[in-house]
Amino acid sequence: MFKLKEILEERDIPQKVFAADLGMATSTLNNYAMERRQPDFDTLVQICDALGVTADYLLGRSSNPAPAISDEDAALLRAFHAAPPSVVAGILALLQPYAKEKEADQAI
């Protein structure tokens, strides 16, 4: 895992402490940090959750540590895309003033 060691060092988290928090042996975590072994899926998720980062970030596939979109926002987006065109048009019309306001705020 490309960034595990880096993240722990940046946050000043000793591997021994982090491993204990996860309920694993320090040697196991060290093997992951040194890329001698790869965790199984459940362990990868556990490490990501404990660090508050995405798997893509931990694996070096993204430079953004936080999820790009929350589960709640993803559900809203799916509902929006499933809505009939007339509903989508109405939602867009309602949101347009807010989008312009946000653009103006960012331009300052």
N, C-alpha and C. Protein backbone atom coordinates (compact mmCIF):
# COMPACT_ATOMS: atom_id res chain seq x y z
N MET A 1 0.87 -1.17 0.00
CA MET A 1 0.00 0.00 0.00
C MET A 1 0.90 1.21 0.00
N PHE A 2 0.87 1.90 -1.09
CA PHE A 2 1.82 2.94 -1.38
C PHE A 2 1.93 4.04 -0.33
N LYS A 3 0.83 4.47 0.25
CA LYS A 3 0.87 5.63 1.12
C LYS A 3 0.69 5.34 2.60
N LEU A 4 0.56 4.11 2.99
CA LEU A 4 0.30 3.81 4.39
C LEU A 4 1.41 4.34 5.29
N LYS A 5 2.63 4.01 4.99
CA LYS A 5 3.77 4.46 5.80
C LYS A 5 3.83 5.99 5.82
N GLU A 6 3.65 6.59 4.67
CA GLU A 6 3.69 8.06 4.54
C GLU A 6 2.61 8.72 5.40
N ILE A 7 1.40 8.21 5.35
CA ILE A 7 0.29 8.79 6.11
C ILE A 7 0.54 8.66 7.61
N LEU A 8 0.98 7.49 8.04
CA LEU A 8 1.25 7.30 9.45
C LEU A 8 2.36 8.23 9.94
N GLU A 9 3.39 8.41 9.13
CA GLU A 9 4.49 9.32 9.50
C GLU A 9 4.01 10.77 9.53
N GLU A 10 3.24 11.18 8.51
CA GLU A 10 2.72 12.56 8.47
C GLU A 10 1.87 12.88 9.69
N ARG A 11 1.11 11.89 10.14
CA ARG A 11 0.20 12.10 11.26
C ARG A 11 0.83 11.74 12.60
N ASP A 12 2.09 11.37 12.55
CA ASP A 12 2.84 11.00 13.75
C ASP A 12 2.13 9.89 14.53
N ILE A 13 1.68 8.87 13.80
CA ILE A 13 1.01 7.71 14.41
C ILE A 13 1.99 6.54 14.37
N PRO A 14 2.43 6.07 15.52
CA PRO A 14 3.32 4.91 15.53
C PRO A 14 2.61 3.67 14.99
N GLN A 15 3.32 2.89 14.19
CA GLN A 15 2.73 1.67 13.63
C GLN A 15 2.22 0.76 14.73
N LYS A 16 2.94 0.68 15.83
CA LYS A 16 2.54 -0.19 16.94
C LYS A 16 1.17 0.22 17.48
N VAL A 17 0.95 1.53 17.62
CA VAL A 17 -0.32 2.05 18.14
C VAL A 17 -1.44 1.81 17.14
N PHE A 18 -1.16 2.11 15.87
CA PHE A 18 -2.19 1.94 14.83
C PHE A 18 -2.57 0.47 14.69
N ALA A 19 -1.57 -0.40 14.70
CA ALA A 19 -1.85 -1.83 14.60
C ALA A 19 -2.72 -2.30 15.76
N ALA A 20 -2.39 -1.83 16.97
CA ALA A 20 -3.18 -2.21 18.15
C ALA A 20 -4.61 -1.71 18.01
N ASP A 21 -4.79 -0.48 17.51
CA ASP A 21 -6.13 0.07 17.31
C ASP A 21 -6.95 -0.78 16.34
N LEU A 22 -6.26 -1.36 15.37
CA LEU A 22 -6.95 -2.19 14.37
C LEU A 22 -7.06 -3.63 14.80
N GLY A 23 -6.42 -3.99 15.90
CA GLY A 23 -6.47 -5.36 16.38
C GLY A 23 -5.63 -6.31 15.57
N MET A 24 -4.51 -5.81 15.06
CA MET A 24 -3.62 -6.68 14.28
C MET A 24 -2.20 -6.59 14.83
N ALA A 25 -1.39 -7.54 14.46
CA ALA A 25 0.00 -7.54 14.90
C ALA A 25 0.76 -6.40 14.23
N THR A 26 1.70 -5.83 14.96
CA THR A 26 2.52 -4.76 14.40
C THR A 26 3.27 -5.24 13.18
N SER A 27 3.72 -6.49 13.21
CA SER A 27 4.47 -7.04 12.06
C SER A 27 3.59 -7.11 10.81
N THR A 28 2.31 -7.39 11.01
CA THR A 28 1.38 -7.44 9.87
C THR A 28 1.24 -6.05 9.25
N LEU A 29 1.01 -5.06 10.10
CA LEU A 29 0.89 -3.69 9.60
C LEU A 29 2.18 -3.24 8.94
N ASN A 30 3.31 -3.59 9.54
CA ASN A 30 4.60 -3.23 8.96
C ASN A 30 4.78 -3.86 7.59
N ASN A 31 4.33 -5.10 7.43
CA ASN A 31 4.41 -5.75 6.12
C ASN A 31 3.58 -5.00 5.08
N TYR A 32 2.43 -4.47 5.49
CA TYR A 32 1.62 -3.67 4.57
C TYR A 32 2.33 -2.36 4.25
N ALA A 33 2.85 -1.70 5.27
CA ALA A 33 3.51 -0.41 5.09
C ALA A 33 4.74 -0.53 4.20
N MET A 34 5.47 -1.65 4.34
CA MET A 34 6.69 -1.86 3.55
C MET A 34 6.39 -2.54 2.21
N GLU A 35 5.10 -2.77 1.94
CA GLU A 35 4.63 -3.38 0.70
C GLU A 35 5.17 -4.79 0.47
N ARG A 36 5.39 -5.51 1.57
CA ARG A 36 5.79 -6.91 1.46
C ARG A 36 4.57 -7.81 1.35
N ARG A 37 3.44 -7.32 1.86
CA ARG A 37 2.16 -8.05 1.80
C ARG A 37 1.06 -7.06 1.48
N GLN A 38 -0.04 -7.60 0.95
CA GLN A 38 -1.23 -6.79 0.67
C GLN A 38 -2.36 -7.26 1.57
N PRO A 39 -3.11 -6.31 2.14
CA PRO A 39 -4.23 -6.72 2.99
C PRO A 39 -5.38 -7.26 2.16
N ASP A 40 -6.22 -8.08 2.79
CA ASP A 40 -7.44 -8.51 2.10
C ASP A 40 -8.39 -7.31 2.05
N PHE A 41 -9.47 -7.47 1.34
CA PHE A 41 -10.40 -6.36 1.12
C PHE A 41 -10.94 -5.78 2.43
N ASP A 42 -11.38 -6.64 3.34
CA ASP A 42 -11.95 -6.15 4.60
C ASP A 42 -10.92 -5.37 5.42
N THR A 43 -9.69 -5.82 5.41
CA THR A 43 -8.63 -5.12 6.14
C THR A 43 -8.32 -3.79 5.48
N LEU A 44 -8.31 -3.76 4.16
CA LEU A 44 -8.09 -2.51 3.44
C LEU A 44 -9.16 -1.48 3.81
N VAL A 45 -10.40 -1.92 3.84
CA VAL A 45 -11.50 -1.03 4.21
C VAL A 45 -11.33 -0.56 5.65
N GLN A 46 -10.94 -1.45 6.53
CA GLN A 46 -10.74 -1.09 7.94
C GLN A 46 -9.63 -0.04 8.08
N ILE A 47 -8.53 -0.20 7.36
CA ILE A 47 -7.43 0.77 7.40
C ILE A 47 -7.88 2.11 6.85
N CYS A 48 -8.58 2.10 5.73
CA CYS A 48 -9.07 3.35 5.13
C CYS A 48 -10.02 4.07 6.06
N ASP A 49 -10.94 3.34 6.67
CA ASP A 49 -11.89 3.94 7.60
C ASP A 49 -11.17 4.54 8.80
N ALA A 50 -10.20 3.83 9.34
CA ALA A 50 -9.47 4.31 10.50
C ALA A 50 -8.67 5.58 10.19
N LEU A 51 -8.18 5.68 8.96
CA LEU A 51 -7.41 6.86 8.56
C LEU A 51 -8.27 7.96 7.95
N GLY A 52 -9.51 7.62 7.62
CA GLY A 52 -10.40 8.60 6.99
C GLY A 52 -10.00 8.96 5.58
N VAL A 53 -9.50 7.97 4.85
CA VAL A 53 -9.08 8.19 3.47
C VAL A 53 -9.74 7.16 2.56
N THR A 54 -9.73 7.44 1.28
CA THR A 54 -10.27 6.47 0.32
C THR A 54 -9.21 5.42 0.00
N ALA A 55 -9.65 4.28 -0.50
CA ALA A 55 -8.71 3.24 -0.92
C ALA A 55 -7.87 3.74 -2.09
N ASP A 56 -8.46 4.51 -2.99
CA ASP A 56 -7.70 5.05 -4.11
C ASP A 56 -6.55 5.94 -3.61
N TYR A 57 -6.80 6.72 -2.59
CA TYR A 57 -5.74 7.58 -2.04
C TYR A 57 -4.66 6.71 -1.39
N LEU A 58 -5.07 5.76 -0.57
CA LEU A 58 -4.12 4.91 0.13
C LEU A 58 -3.26 4.12 -0.86
N LEU A 59 -3.85 3.72 -1.97
CA LEU A 59 -3.13 2.93 -2.97
C LEU A 59 -2.37 3.78 -3.98
N GLY A 60 -2.44 5.11 -3.82
CA GLY A 60 -1.70 5.99 -4.70
C GLY A 60 -2.37 6.27 -6.02
N ARG A 61 -3.65 5.96 -6.11
CA ARG A 61 -4.38 6.17 -7.37
C ARG A 61 -5.05 7.53 -7.44
N SER A 62 -5.07 8.25 -6.32
CA SER A 62 -5.71 9.56 -6.24
C SER A 62 -4.90 10.44 -5.31
N SER A 63 -4.91 11.73 -5.58
CA SER A 63 -4.23 12.67 -4.69
C SER A 63 -5.20 13.27 -3.68
N ASN A 64 -6.48 12.89 -3.77
CA ASN A 64 -7.51 13.40 -2.87
C ASN A 64 -7.81 12.36 -1.79
N PRO A 65 -7.47 12.66 -0.53
CA PRO A 65 -7.68 11.66 0.52
C PRO A 65 -9.13 11.43 0.90
N ALA A 66 -9.97 12.42 0.69
CA ALA A 66 -11.37 12.32 1.10
C ALA A 66 -12.24 11.81 -0.05
N PRO A 67 -13.31 11.11 0.29
CA PRO A 67 -14.22 10.68 -0.77
C PRO A 67 -14.72 11.88 -1.56
N ALA A 68 -14.82 11.70 -2.86
CA ALA A 68 -15.26 12.80 -3.72
C ALA A 68 -16.73 13.15 -3.49
N ILE A 69 -17.50 12.19 -3.05
CA ILE A 69 -18.93 12.43 -2.87
C ILE A 69 -19.42 11.54 -1.72
N SER A 70 -20.25 12.10 -0.89
CA SER A 70 -20.79 11.33 0.23
C SER A 70 -21.84 10.35 -0.26
N ASP A 71 -22.15 9.36 0.56
CA ASP A 71 -23.20 8.40 0.21
C ASP A 71 -24.54 9.11 0.03
N GLU A 72 -24.81 10.09 0.88
CA GLU A 72 -26.06 10.85 0.78
C GLU A 72 -26.14 11.61 -0.54
N ASP A 73 -25.03 12.27 -0.91
CA ASP A 73 -25.01 13.01 -2.17
C ASP A 73 -25.13 12.06 -3.36
N ALA A 74 -24.50 10.90 -3.26
CA ALA A 74 -24.60 9.92 -4.34
C ALA A 74 -26.04 9.44 -4.53
N ALA A 75 -26.75 9.24 -3.41
CA ALA A 75 -28.15 8.83 -3.49
C ALA A 75 -29.00 9.91 -4.14
N LEU A 76 -28.74 11.17 -3.79
CA LEU A 76 -29.47 12.27 -4.40
C LEU A 76 -29.20 12.37 -5.90
N LEU A 77 -27.95 12.16 -6.26
CA LEU A 77 -27.57 12.20 -7.67
C LEU A 77 -28.24 11.08 -8.47
N ARG A 78 -28.29 9.88 -7.87
CA ARG A 78 -28.98 8.77 -8.54
C ARG A 78 -30.47 9.08 -8.72
N ALA A 79 -31.09 9.66 -7.69
CA ALA A 79 -32.51 10.01 -7.78
C ALA A 79 -32.73 11.08 -8.85
N PHE A 80 -31.83 12.04 -8.92
CA PHE A 80 -31.91 13.10 -9.93
C PHE A 80 -31.86 12.49 -11.33
N HIS A 81 -30.91 11.58 -11.56
CA HIS A 81 -30.76 10.97 -12.89
C HIS A 81 -31.92 10.04 -13.24
N ALA A 82 -32.61 9.52 -12.23
CA ALA A 82 -33.74 8.63 -12.47
C ALA A 82 -35.05 9.39 -12.67
N ALA A 83 -35.05 10.68 -12.37
CA ALA A 83 -36.27 11.47 -12.46
C ALA A 83 -36.65 11.73 -13.92
N PRO A 84 -37.94 11.94 -14.17
CA PRO A 84 -38.39 12.28 -15.53
C PRO A 84 -37.79 13.63 -15.96
N PRO A 85 -37.62 13.83 -17.26
CA PRO A 85 -37.02 15.06 -17.77
C PRO A 85 -37.69 16.34 -17.26
N SER A 86 -39.00 16.33 -17.10
CA SER A 86 -39.68 17.55 -16.62
C SER A 86 -39.28 17.87 -15.17
N VAL A 87 -39.08 16.84 -14.37
CA VAL A 87 -38.65 17.05 -12.97
C VAL A 87 -37.22 17.55 -12.95
N VAL A 88 -36.37 16.96 -13.78
CA VAL A 88 -34.97 17.39 -13.85
C VAL A 88 -34.91 18.87 -14.25
N ALA A 89 -35.69 19.26 -15.25
CA ALA A 89 -35.71 20.66 -15.70
C ALA A 89 -36.16 21.58 -14.57
N GLY A 90 -37.16 21.16 -13.82
CA GLY A 90 -37.64 21.97 -12.70
C GLY A 90 -36.59 22.12 -11.61
N ILE A 91 -35.90 21.04 -11.30
CA ILE A 91 -34.84 21.08 -10.28
C ILE A 91 -33.71 22.01 -10.73
N LEU A 92 -33.32 21.87 -11.98
CA LEU A 92 -32.25 22.73 -12.51
C LEU A 92 -32.65 24.21 -12.46
N ALA A 93 -33.90 24.49 -12.78
CA ALA A 93 -34.38 25.87 -12.74
C ALA A 93 -34.35 26.41 -11.31
N LEU A 94 -34.71 25.57 -10.35
CA LEU A 94 -34.67 25.99 -8.95
C LEU A 94 -33.25 26.23 -8.45
N LEU A 95 -32.32 25.43 -8.92
CA LEU A 95 -30.94 25.51 -8.43
C LEU A 95 -30.09 26.56 -9.15
N GLN A 96 -30.51 26.99 -10.30
CA GLN A 96 -29.71 27.91 -11.11
C GLN A 96 -29.29 29.17 -10.35
N PRO A 97 -30.17 29.84 -9.62
CA PRO A 97 -29.72 31.05 -8.89
C PRO A 97 -28.63 30.74 -7.86
N TYR A 98 -28.70 29.57 -7.24
CA TYR A 98 -27.69 29.21 -6.24
C TYR A 98 -26.34 28.92 -6.89
N ALA A 99 -26.39 28.32 -8.06
CA ALA A 99 -25.15 28.04 -8.78
C ALA A 99 -24.47 29.34 -9.19
N LYS A 100 -25.26 30.31 -9.65
CA LYS A 100 -24.69 31.61 -10.03
C LYS A 100 -24.10 32.32 -8.82
N GLU A 101 -24.80 32.22 -7.68
CA GLU A 101 -24.32 32.84 -6.44
C GLU A 101 -22.98 32.22 -6.02
N LYS A 102 -22.87 30.91 -6.14
CA LYS A 102 -21.65 30.21 -5.78
C LYS A 102 -20.51 30.62 -6.71
N GLU A 103 -20.77 30.74 -8.01
CA GLU A 103 -19.76 31.16 -8.96
C GLU A 103 -19.27 32.57 -8.63
N ALA A 104 -20.20 33.47 -8.27
CA ALA A 104 -19.83 34.83 -7.92
C ALA A 104 -18.96 34.86 -6.67
N ASP A 105 -19.29 34.03 -5.69
CA ASP A 105 -18.50 33.96 -4.44
C ASP A 105 -17.08 33.45 -4.73
N GLN A 106 -16.96 32.49 -5.63
CA GLN A 106 -15.64 31.93 -5.94
C GLN A 106 -14.80 32.88 -6.77
N ALA A 107 -15.43 33.80 -7.49
CA ALA A 107 -14.70 34.74 -8.33
C ALA A 107 -14.04 35.84 -7.50
N ILE A 108 -14.53 36.03 -6.29
CA ILE A 108 -13.99 37.09 -5.43
C ILE A 108 -12.66 36.71 -4.88
